[in-house]
Amino acid sequence: MFREEVKQQRANEIMEIQSQISWELNQHKIGQEYKVVIDRKEGDYFVGRTEFDSPDVDNEVLIEASNTYLKTGEFTTVKITEAADFDLYGEVVPS
């Protein structure tokens, strides 16, 4: 039992460090434009990922769906306006 607790504690510490690293890296993406593929609509957001990110591993890009319609599977250019630990928020760049 003790070993499991130590493993969990270490995993939590690593995730906390990774969360901080990811947050810092994501702050540098604010203001940048990326080509984003739209994966799905979830609640009030379309959810996609940049051409550099893998599904279920890297950042997701959330685009407010209230004034935009995006088609799943299509690419669109998005300007990043906010960034959290593992999520980026952006707006579609008009073409």
PDB file of N, CA and C in Angstrom:
ATOM      1  N   MET A   1       0.835  -1.193   0.000  1.00  0.00           N
ATOM      2  CA  MET A   1       0.000   0.000   0.000  1.00  0.00           C
ATOM      3  C   MET A   1       0.876   1.251   0.000  1.00  0.00           C
ATOM      4  N   PHE A   2       1.923   1.264   0.783  1.00  0.00           N
ATOM      5  CA  PHE A   2       2.813   2.425   0.879  1.00  0.00           C
ATOM      6  C   PHE A   2       3.385   2.792  -0.483  1.00  0.00           C
ATOM      7  N   ARG A   3       3.775   1.780  -1.258  1.00  0.00           N
ATOM      8  CA  ARG A   3       4.361   2.041  -2.574  1.00  0.00           C
ATOM      9  C   ARG A   3       3.363   2.735  -3.496  1.00  0.00           C
ATOM     10  N   GLU A   4       2.101   2.335  -3.438  1.00  0.00           N
ATOM     11  CA  GLU A   4       1.077   2.970  -4.257  1.00  0.00           C
ATOM     12  C   GLU A   4       0.916   4.445  -3.883  1.00  0.00           C
ATOM     13  N   GLU A   5       0.952   4.741  -2.597  1.00  0.00           N
ATOM     14  CA  GLU A   5       0.820   6.131  -2.144  1.00  0.00           C
ATOM     15  C   GLU A   5       1.999   6.970  -2.636  1.00  0.00           C
ATOM     16  N   VAL A   6       3.191   6.409  -2.582  1.00  0.00           N
ATOM     17  CA  VAL A   6       4.386   7.119  -3.054  1.00  0.00           C
ATOM     18  C   VAL A   6       4.294   7.342  -4.562  1.00  0.00           C
ATOM     19  N   LYS A   7       3.854   6.324  -5.299  1.00  0.00           N
ATOM     20  CA  LYS A   7       3.710   6.476  -6.748  1.00  0.00           C
ATOM     21  C   LYS A   7       2.706   7.576  -7.082  1.00  0.00           C
ATOM     22  N   GLN A   8       1.595   7.591  -6.376  1.00  0.00           N
ATOM     23  CA  GLN A   8       0.571   8.601  -6.631  1.00  0.00           C
ATOM     24  C   GLN A   8       1.076   9.994  -6.286  1.00  0.00           C
ATOM     25  N   GLN A   9       1.792  10.111  -5.175  1.00  0.00           N
ATOM     26  CA  GLN A   9       2.340  11.409  -4.765  1.00  0.00           C
ATOM     27  C   GLN A   9       3.328  11.917  -5.814  1.00  0.00           C
ATOM     28  N   ARG A  10       4.185  11.044  -6.296  1.00  0.00           N
ATOM     29  CA  ARG A  10       5.159  11.440  -7.324  1.00  0.00           C
ATOM     30  C   ARG A  10       4.477  11.827  -8.626  1.00  0.00           C
ATOM     31  N   ALA A  11       3.460  11.070  -9.004  1.00  0.00           N
ATOM     32  CA  ALA A  11       2.718  11.395 -10.226  1.00  0.00           C
ATOM     33  C   ALA A  11       2.050  12.760 -10.096  1.00  0.00           C
ATOM     34  N   ASN A  12       1.478  13.047  -8.926  1.00  0.00           N
ATOM     35  CA  ASN A  12       0.852  14.347  -8.695  1.00  0.00           C
ATOM     36  C   ASN A  12       1.870  15.484  -8.784  1.00  0.00           C
ATOM     37  N   GLU A  13       3.047  15.278  -8.218  1.00  0.00           N
ATOM     38  CA  GLU A  13       4.102  16.294  -8.260  1.00  0.00           C
ATOM     39  C   GLU A  13       4.531  16.566  -9.707  1.00  0.00           C
ATOM     40  N   ILE A  14       4.682  15.503 -10.485  1.00  0.00           N
ATOM     41  CA  ILE A  14       5.084  15.650 -11.886  1.00  0.00           C
ATOM     42  C   ILE A  14       4.018  16.411 -12.666  1.00  0.00           C
ATOM     43  N   MET A  15       2.746  16.079 -12.443  1.00  0.00           N
ATOM     44  CA  MET A  15       1.667  16.768 -13.155  1.00  0.00           C
ATOM     45  C   MET A  15       1.599  18.245 -12.772  1.00  0.00           C
ATOM     46  N   GLU A  16       1.882  18.556 -11.526  1.00  0.00           N
ATOM     47  CA  GLU A  16       1.884  19.958 -11.100  1.00  0.00           C
ATOM     48  C   GLU A  16       2.998  20.732 -11.799  1.00  0.00           C
ATOM     49  N   ILE A  17       4.176  20.131 -11.891  1.00  0.00           N
ATOM     50  CA  ILE A  17       5.310  20.761 -12.586  1.00  0.00           C
ATOM     51  C   ILE A  17       4.984  20.912 -14.071  1.00  0.00           C
ATOM     52  N   GLN A  18       4.427  19.857 -14.681  1.00  0.00           N
ATOM     53  CA  GLN A  18       4.086  19.910 -16.107  1.00  0.00           C
ATOM     54  C   GLN A  18       3.016  20.955 -16.375  1.00  0.00           C
ATOM     55  N   SER A  19       2.069  21.094 -15.484  1.00  0.00           N
ATOM     56  CA  SER A  19       1.016  22.086 -15.631  1.00  0.00           C
ATOM     57  C   SER A  19       1.607  23.491 -15.689  1.00  0.00           C
ATOM     58  N   GLN A  20       2.562  23.775 -14.821  1.00  0.00           N
ATOM     59  CA  GLN A  20       3.213  25.087 -14.806  1.00  0.00           C
ATOM     60  C   GLN A  20       4.013  25.323 -16.085  1.00  0.00           C
ATOM     61  N   ILE A  21       4.737  24.295 -16.531  1.00  0.00           N
ATOM     62  CA  ILE A  21       5.520  24.410 -17.773  1.00  0.00           C
ATOM     63  C   ILE A  21       4.589  24.684 -18.946  1.00  0.00           C
ATOM     64  N   SER A  22       3.504  23.925 -19.030  1.00  0.00           N
ATOM     65  CA  SER A  22       2.552  24.090 -20.121  1.00  0.00           C
ATOM     66  C   SER A  22       1.933  25.488 -20.097  1.00  0.00           C
ATOM     67  N   TRP A  23       1.562  25.977 -18.914  1.00  0.00           N
ATOM     68  CA  TRP A  23       0.978  27.309 -18.793  1.00  0.00           C
ATOM     69  C   TRP A  23       1.946  28.369 -19.323  1.00  0.00           C
ATOM     70  N   GLU A  24       3.212  28.256 -18.922  1.00  0.00           N
ATOM     71  CA  GLU A  24       4.216  29.232 -19.366  1.00  0.00           C
ATOM     72  C   GLU A  24       4.393  29.190 -20.889  1.00  0.00           C
ATOM     73  N   LEU A  25       4.474  27.993 -21.461  1.00  0.00           N
ATOM     74  CA  LEU A  25       4.619  27.869 -22.911  1.00  0.00           C
ATOM     75  C   LEU A  25       3.394  28.425 -23.637  1.00  0.00           C
ATOM     76  N   ASN A  26       2.221  28.164 -23.079  1.00  0.00           N
ATOM     77  CA  ASN A  26       0.992  28.628 -23.721  1.00  0.00           C
ATOM     78  C   ASN A  26       0.856  30.143 -23.690  1.00  0.00           C
ATOM     79  N   GLN A  27       1.405  30.797 -22.692  1.00  0.00           N
ATOM     80  CA  GLN A  27       1.330  32.257 -22.631  1.00  0.00           C
ATOM     81  C   GLN A  27       2.018  32.898 -23.829  1.00  0.00           C
ATOM     82  N   HIS A  28       3.053  32.243 -24.351  1.00  0.00           N
ATOM     83  CA  HIS A  28       3.781  32.764 -25.514  1.00  0.00           C
ATOM     84  C   HIS A  28       2.974  32.629 -26.802  1.00  0.00           C
ATOM     85  N   LYS A  29       1.900  31.834 -26.767  1.00  0.00           N
ATOM     86  CA  LYS A  29       1.088  31.626 -27.967  1.00  0.00           C
ATOM     87  C   LYS A  29      -0.001  32.687 -28.124  1.00  0.00           C
ATOM     88  N   ILE A  30      -0.248  33.461 -27.066  1.00  0.00           N
ATOM     89  CA  ILE A  30      -1.267  34.509 -27.141  1.00  0.00           C
ATOM     90  C   ILE A  30      -0.859  35.526 -28.210  1.00  0.00           C
ATOM     91  N   GLY A  31      -1.799  35.833 -29.093  1.00  0.00           N
ATOM     92  CA  GLY A  31      -1.534  36.767 -30.190  1.00  0.00           C
ATOM     93  C   GLY A  31      -1.057  36.096 -31.466  1.00  0.00           C
ATOM     94  N   GLN A  32      -0.678  34.835 -31.373  1.00  0.00           N
ATOM     95  CA  GLN A  32      -0.202  34.095 -32.545  1.00  0.00           C
ATOM     96  C   GLN A  32      -1.380  33.514 -33.314  1.00  0.00           C
ATOM     97  N   GLU A  33      -1.186  33.282 -34.604  1.00  0.00           N
ATOM     98  CA  GLU A  33      -2.201  32.650 -35.434  1.00  0.00           C
ATOM     99  C   GLU A  33      -1.738  31.246 -35.804  1.00  0.00           C
ATOM    100  N   TYR A  34      -2.686  30.296 -35.746  1.00  0.00           N
ATOM    101  CA  TYR A  34      -2.389  28.896 -36.046  1.00  0.00           C
ATOM    102  C   TYR A  34      -3.454  28.313 -36.955  1.00  0.00           C
ATOM    103  N   LYS A  35      -3.037  27.369 -37.763  1.00  0.00           N
ATOM    104  CA  LYS A  35      -3.966  26.576 -38.557  1.00  0.00           C
ATOM    105  C   LYS A  35      -4.519  25.510 -37.605  1.00  0.00           C
ATOM    106  N   VAL A  36      -5.849  25.457 -37.461  1.00  0.00           N
ATOM    107  CA  VAL A  36      -6.491  24.586 -36.478  1.00  0.00           C
ATOM    108  C   VAL A  36      -7.481  23.670 -37.189  1.00  0.00           C
ATOM    109  N   VAL A  37      -7.434  22.379 -36.876  1.00  0.00           N
ATOM    110  CA  VAL A  37      -8.435  21.443 -37.382  1.00  0.00           C
ATOM    111  C   VAL A  37      -9.514  21.307 -36.308  1.00  0.00           C
ATOM    112  N   ILE A  38     -10.764  21.374 -36.723  1.00  0.00           N
ATOM    113  CA  ILE A  38     -11.880  21.305 -35.781  1.00  0.00           C
ATOM    114  C   ILE A  38     -12.240  19.839 -35.554  1.00  0.00           C
ATOM    115  N   ASP A  39     -12.204  19.421 -34.289  1.00  0.00           N
ATOM    116  CA  ASP A  39     -12.493  18.027 -33.929  1.00  0.00           C
ATOM    117  C   ASP A  39     -13.955  17.790 -33.565  1.00  0.00           C
ATOM    118  N   ARG A  40     -14.569  18.771 -32.871  1.00  0.00           N
ATOM    119  CA  ARG A  40     -15.934  18.551 -32.386  1.00  0.00           C
ATOM    120  C   ARG A  40     -16.507  19.853 -31.835  1.00  0.00           C
ATOM    121  N   LYS A  41     -17.800  19.818 -31.544  1.00  0.00           N
ATOM    122  CA  LYS A  41     -18.442  20.917 -30.821  1.00  0.00           C
ATOM    123  C   LYS A  41     -18.792  20.366 -29.449  1.00  0.00           C
ATOM    124  N   GLU A  42     -18.444  21.130 -28.423  1.00  0.00           N
ATOM    125  CA  GLU A  42     -18.678  20.704 -27.046  1.00  0.00           C
ATOM    126  C   GLU A  42     -19.240  21.898 -26.280  1.00  0.00           C
ATOM    127  N   GLY A  43     -20.499  21.811 -25.898  1.00  0.00           N
ATOM    128  CA  GLY A  43     -21.121  22.921 -25.188  1.00  0.00           C
ATOM    129  C   GLY A  43     -21.140  24.163 -26.057  1.00  0.00           C
ATOM    130  N   ASP A  44     -20.593  25.252 -25.542  1.00  0.00           N
ATOM    131  CA  ASP A  44     -20.583  26.536 -26.246  1.00  0.00           C
ATOM    132  C   ASP A  44     -19.338  26.750 -27.098  1.00  0.00           C
ATOM    133  N   TYR A  45     -18.537  25.695 -27.279  1.00  0.00           N
ATOM    134  CA  TYR A  45     -17.273  25.852 -27.997  1.00  0.00           C
ATOM    135  C   TYR A  45     -17.097  24.804 -29.086  1.00  0.00           C
ATOM    136  N   PHE A  46     -16.434  25.232 -30.163  1.00  0.00           N
ATOM    137  CA  PHE A  46     -15.858  24.281 -31.097  1.00  0.00           C
ATOM    138  C   PHE A  46     -14.483  23.956 -30.536  1.00  0.00           C
ATOM    139  N   VAL A  47     -14.114  22.690 -30.602  1.00  0.00           N
ATOM    140  CA  VAL A  47     -12.840  22.249 -30.040  1.00  0.00           C
ATOM    141  C   VAL A  47     -11.973  21.720 -31.175  1.00  0.00           C
ATOM    142  N   GLY A  48     -10.763  22.254 -31.249  1.00  0.00           N
ATOM    143  CA  GLY A  48      -9.840  21.821 -32.285  1.00  0.00           C
ATOM    144  C   GLY A  48      -8.438  21.717 -31.734  1.00  0.00           C
ATOM    145  N   ARG A  49      -7.504  21.532 -32.655  1.00  0.00           N
ATOM    146  CA  ARG A  49      -6.091  21.471 -32.267  1.00  0.00           C
ATOM    147  C   ARG A  49      -5.256  22.036 -33.399  1.00  0.00           C
ATOM    148  N   THR A  50      -4.120  22.594 -33.022  1.00  0.00           N
ATOM    149  CA  THR A  50      -3.265  23.172 -34.058  1.00  0.00           C
ATOM    150  C   THR A  50      -2.651  22.049 -34.873  1.00  0.00           C
ATOM    151  N   GLU A  51      -2.074  22.419 -35.982  1.00  0.00           N
ATOM    152  CA  GLU A  51      -1.427  21.429 -36.848  1.00  0.00           C
ATOM    153  C   GLU A  51      -0.223  20.775 -36.166  1.00  0.00           C
ATOM    154  N   PHE A  52       0.201  21.319 -35.023  1.00  0.00           N
ATOM    155  CA  PHE A  52       1.359  20.778 -34.314  1.00  0.00           C
ATOM    156  C   PHE A  52       0.971  19.856 -33.152  1.00  0.00           C
ATOM    157  N   ASP A  53      -0.331  19.759 -32.853  1.00  0.00           N
ATOM    158  CA  ASP A  53      -0.780  19.039 -31.658  1.00  0.00           C
ATOM    159  C   ASP A  53      -1.448  17.715 -31.996  1.00  0.00           C
ATOM    160  N   SER A  54      -1.210  16.731 -31.131  1.00  0.00           N
ATOM    161  CA  SER A  54      -1.807  15.406 -31.277  1.00  0.00           C
ATOM    162  C   SER A  54      -3.093  15.321 -30.461  1.00  0.00           C
ATOM    163  N   PRO A  55      -4.071  14.551 -30.947  1.00  0.00           N
ATOM    164  CA  PRO A  55      -5.311  14.399 -30.175  1.00  0.00           C
ATOM    165  C   PRO A  55      -5.037  13.711 -28.839  1.00  0.00           C
ATOM    166  N   ASP A  56      -5.766  14.108 -27.808  1.00  0.00           N
ATOM    167  CA  ASP A  56      -5.717  13.495 -26.478  1.00  0.00           C
ATOM    168  C   ASP A  56      -4.365  13.625 -25.772  1.00  0.00           C
ATOM    169  N   VAL A  57      -3.431  14.369 -26.361  1.00  0.00           N
ATOM    170  CA  VAL A  57      -2.107  14.512 -25.740  1.00  0.00           C
ATOM    171  C   VAL A  57      -1.765  15.975 -25.515  1.00  0.00           C
ATOM    172  N   ASP A  58      -1.969  16.775 -26.539  1.00  0.00           N
ATOM    173  CA  ASP A  58      -1.548  18.175 -26.504  1.00  0.00           C
ATOM    174  C   ASP A  58      -2.726  19.119 -26.243  1.00  0.00           C
ATOM    175  N   ASN A  59      -2.431  20.394 -26.321  1.00  0.00           N
ATOM    176  CA  ASN A  59      -3.445  21.438 -26.117  1.00  0.00           C
ATOM    177  C   ASN A  59      -4.651  21.259 -27.016  1.00  0.00           C
ATOM    178  N   GLU A  60      -5.775  21.758 -26.534  1.00  0.00           N
ATOM    179  CA  GLU A  60      -6.955  21.906 -27.367  1.00  0.00           C
ATOM    180  C   GLU A  60      -7.180  23.401 -27.547  1.00  0.00           C
ATOM    181  N   VAL A  61      -7.736  23.756 -28.700  1.00  0.00           N
ATOM    182  CA  VAL A  61      -8.067  25.141 -28.988  1.00  0.00           C
ATOM    183  C   VAL A  61      -9.589  25.256 -28.932  1.00  0.00           C
ATOM    184  N   LEU A  62     -10.076  26.154 -28.082  1.00  0.00           N
ATOM    185  CA  LEU A  62     -11.513  26.352 -27.927  1.00  0.00           C
ATOM    186  C   LEU A  62     -11.914  27.661 -28.592  1.00  0.00           C
ATOM    187  N   ILE A  63     -12.943  27.575 -29.436  1.00  0.00           N
ATOM    188  CA  ILE A  63     -13.434  28.731 -30.184  1.00  0.00           C
ATOM    189  C   ILE A  63     -14.916  28.873 -29.860  1.00  0.00           C
ATOM    190  N   GLU A  64     -15.281  30.023 -29.350  1.00  0.00           N
ATOM    191  CA  GLU A  64     -16.672  30.251 -28.958  1.00  0.00           C
ATOM    192  C   GLU A  64     -17.593  30.031 -30.151  1.00  0.00           C
ATOM    193  N   ALA A  65     -18.660  29.260 -29.923  1.00  0.00           N
ATOM    194  CA  ALA A  65     -19.552  28.867 -31.009  1.00  0.00           C
ATOM    195  C   ALA A  65     -20.739  29.804 -31.177  1.00  0.00           C
ATOM    196  N   SER A  66     -20.892  30.793 -30.302  1.00  0.00           N
ATOM    197  CA  SER A  66     -22.084  31.638 -30.347  1.00  0.00           C
ATOM    198  C   SER A  66     -22.195  32.479 -31.619  1.00  0.00           C
ATOM    199  N   ASN A  67     -21.075  32.890 -32.183  1.00  0.00           N
ATOM    200  CA  ASN A  67     -21.143  33.742 -33.377  1.00  0.00           C
ATOM    201  C   ASN A  67     -20.355  33.183 -34.554  1.00  0.00           C
ATOM    202  N   THR A  68     -20.024  31.892 -34.478  1.00  0.00           N
ATOM    203  CA  THR A  68     -19.215  31.268 -35.522  1.00  0.00           C
ATOM    204  C   THR A  68     -19.729  29.867 -35.791  1.00  0.00           C
ATOM    205  N   TYR A  69     -19.724  29.464 -37.047  1.00  0.00           N
ATOM    206  CA  TYR A  69     -20.027  28.067 -37.369  1.00  0.00           C
ATOM    207  C   TYR A  69     -18.788  27.469 -38.013  1.00  0.00           C
ATOM    208  N   LEU A  70     -18.334  26.352 -37.467  1.00  0.00           N
ATOM    209  CA  LEU A  70     -17.173  25.655 -38.011  1.00  0.00           C
ATOM    210  C   LEU A  70     -17.559  24.206 -38.259  1.00  0.00           C
ATOM    211  N   LYS A  71     -16.992  23.644 -39.295  1.00  0.00           N
ATOM    212  CA  LYS A  71     -17.327  22.275 -39.696  1.00  0.00           C
ATOM    213  C   LYS A  71     -16.255  21.310 -39.187  1.00  0.00           C
ATOM    214  N   THR A  72     -16.696  20.233 -38.558  1.00  0.00           N
ATOM    215  CA  THR A  72     -15.780  19.208 -38.061  1.00  0.00           C
ATOM    216  C   THR A  72     -14.921  18.676 -39.206  1.00  0.00           C
ATOM    217  N   GLY A  73     -13.624  18.559 -38.935  1.00  0.00           N
ATOM    218  CA  GLY A  73     -12.689  18.028 -39.924  1.00  0.00           C
ATOM    219  C   GLY A  73     -12.050  19.072 -40.807  1.00  0.00           C
ATOM    220  N   GLU A  74     -12.547  20.290 -40.763  1.00  0.00           N
ATOM    221  CA  GLU A  74     -11.977  21.341 -41.603  1.00  0.00           C
ATOM    222  C   GLU A  74     -10.939  22.155 -40.833  1.00  0.00           C
ATOM    223  N   PHE A  75     -10.016  22.745 -41.587  1.00  0.00           N
ATOM    224  CA  PHE A  75      -9.006  23.625 -41.012  1.00  0.00           C
ATOM    225  C   PHE A  75      -9.485  25.066 -41.094  1.00  0.00           C
ATOM    226  N   THR A  76      -9.116  25.847 -40.081  1.00  0.00           N
ATOM    227  CA  THR A  76      -9.388  27.281 -40.089  1.00  0.00           C
ATOM    228  C   THR A  76      -8.242  27.980 -39.372  1.00  0.00           C
ATOM    229  N   THR A  77      -7.998  29.228 -39.704  1.00  0.00           N
ATOM    230  CA  THR A  77      -6.948  29.990 -39.031  1.00  0.00           C
ATOM    231  C   THR A  77      -7.547  30.650 -37.796  1.00  0.00           C
ATOM    232  N   VAL A  78      -6.860  30.459 -36.668  1.00  0.00           N
ATOM    233  CA  VAL A  78      -7.350  30.954 -35.382  1.00  0.00           C
ATOM    234  C   VAL A  78      -6.260  31.788 -34.716  1.00  0.00           C
ATOM    235  N   LYS A  79      -6.655  32.948 -34.197  1.00  0.00           N
ATOM    236  CA  LYS A  79      -5.750  33.786 -33.409  1.00  0.00           C
ATOM    237  C   LYS A  79      -6.000  33.474 -31.934  1.00  0.00           C
ATOM    238  N   ILE A  80      -4.938  33.134 -31.214  1.00  0.00           N
ATOM    239  CA  ILE A  80      -5.045  32.776 -29.799  1.00  0.00           C
ATOM    240  C   ILE A  80      -5.211  34.056 -28.978  1.00  0.00           C
ATOM    241  N   THR A  81      -6.271  34.090 -28.150  1.00  0.00           N
ATOM    242  CA  THR A  81      -6.576  35.279 -27.356  1.00  0.00           C
ATOM    243  C   THR A  81      -6.341  35.064 -25.864  1.00  0.00           C
ATOM    244  N   GLU A  82      -6.413  33.811 -25.415  1.00  0.00           N
ATOM    245  CA  GLU A  82      -6.184  33.469 -24.009  1.00  0.00           C
ATOM    246  C   GLU A  82      -5.534  32.100 -23.948  1.00  0.00           C
ATOM    247  N   ALA A  83      -4.872  31.826 -22.820  1.00  0.00           N
ATOM    248  CA  ALA A  83      -4.231  30.528 -22.657  1.00  0.00           C
ATOM    249  C   ALA A  83      -4.300  30.080 -21.204  1.00  0.00           C
ATOM    250  N   ALA A  84      -4.621  28.806 -21.019  1.00  0.00           N
ATOM    251  CA  ALA A  84      -4.628  28.181 -19.692  1.00  0.00           C
ATOM    252  C   ALA A  84      -3.558  27.091 -19.684  1.00  0.00           C
ATOM    253  N   ASP A  85      -3.582  26.225 -18.682  1.00  0.00           N
ATOM    254  CA  ASP A  85      -2.564  25.167 -18.579  1.00  0.00           C
ATOM    255  C   ASP A  85      -2.526  24.291 -19.827  1.00  0.00           C
ATOM    256  N   PHE A  86      -3.694  23.752 -20.186  1.00  0.00           N
ATOM    257  CA  PHE A  86      -3.738  22.782 -21.275  1.00  0.00           C
ATOM    258  C   PHE A  86      -4.731  23.161 -22.365  1.00  0.00           C
ATOM    259  N   ASP A  87      -5.276  24.361 -22.307  1.00  0.00           N
ATOM    260  CA  ASP A  87      -6.231  24.816 -23.310  1.00  0.00           C
ATOM    261  C   ASP A  87      -5.834  26.189 -23.825  1.00  0.00           C
ATOM    262  N   LEU A  88      -6.114  26.394 -25.112  1.00  0.00           N
ATOM    263  CA  LEU A  88      -5.932  27.696 -25.731  1.00  0.00           C
ATOM    264  C   LEU A  88      -7.305  28.179 -26.176  1.00  0.00           C
ATOM    265  N   TYR A  89      -7.552  29.465 -26.103  1.00  0.00           N
ATOM    266  CA  TYR A  89      -8.811  30.044 -26.538  1.00  0.00           C
ATOM    267  C   TYR A  89      -8.512  31.000 -27.681  1.00  0.00           C
ATOM    268  N   GLY A  90      -9.347  30.944 -28.701  1.00  0.00           N
ATOM    269  CA  GLY A  90      -9.053  31.780 -29.852  1.00  0.00           C
ATOM    270  C   GLY A  90     -10.273  32.218 -30.624  1.00  0.00           C
ATOM    271  N   GLU A  91     -10.005  33.059 -31.620  1.00  0.00           N
ATOM    272  CA  GLU A  91     -11.031  33.595 -32.516  1.00  0.00           C
ATOM    273  C   GLU A  91     -10.627  33.272 -33.947  1.00  0.00           C
ATOM    274  N   VAL A  92     -11.634  32.998 -34.758  1.00  0.00           N
ATOM    275  CA  VAL A  92     -11.374  32.718 -36.167  1.00  0.00           C
ATOM    276  C   VAL A  92     -10.882  33.996 -36.834  1.00  0.00           C
ATOM    277  N   VAL A  93      -9.835  33.859 -37.631  1.00  0.00           N
ATOM    278  CA  VAL A  93      -9.304  34.985 -38.409  1.00  0.00           C
ATOM    279  C   VAL A  93     -10.069  35.010 -39.718  1.00  0.00           C
ATOM    280  N   PRO A  94     -10.752  36.123 -40.009  1.00  0.00           N
ATOM    281  CA  PRO A  94     -11.513  36.194 -41.272  1.00  0.00           C
ATOM    282  C   PRO A  94     -10.577  36.025 -42.468  1.00  0.00           C
ATOM    283  N   SER A  95     -11.051  35.266 -43.473  1.00  0.00           N
ATOM    284  CA  SER A  95     -10.202  35.045 -44.647  1.00  0.00           C
ATOM    285  C   SER A  95     -10.464  36.034 -45.743  1.00  0.00           C
TER     286      SER A  95
END
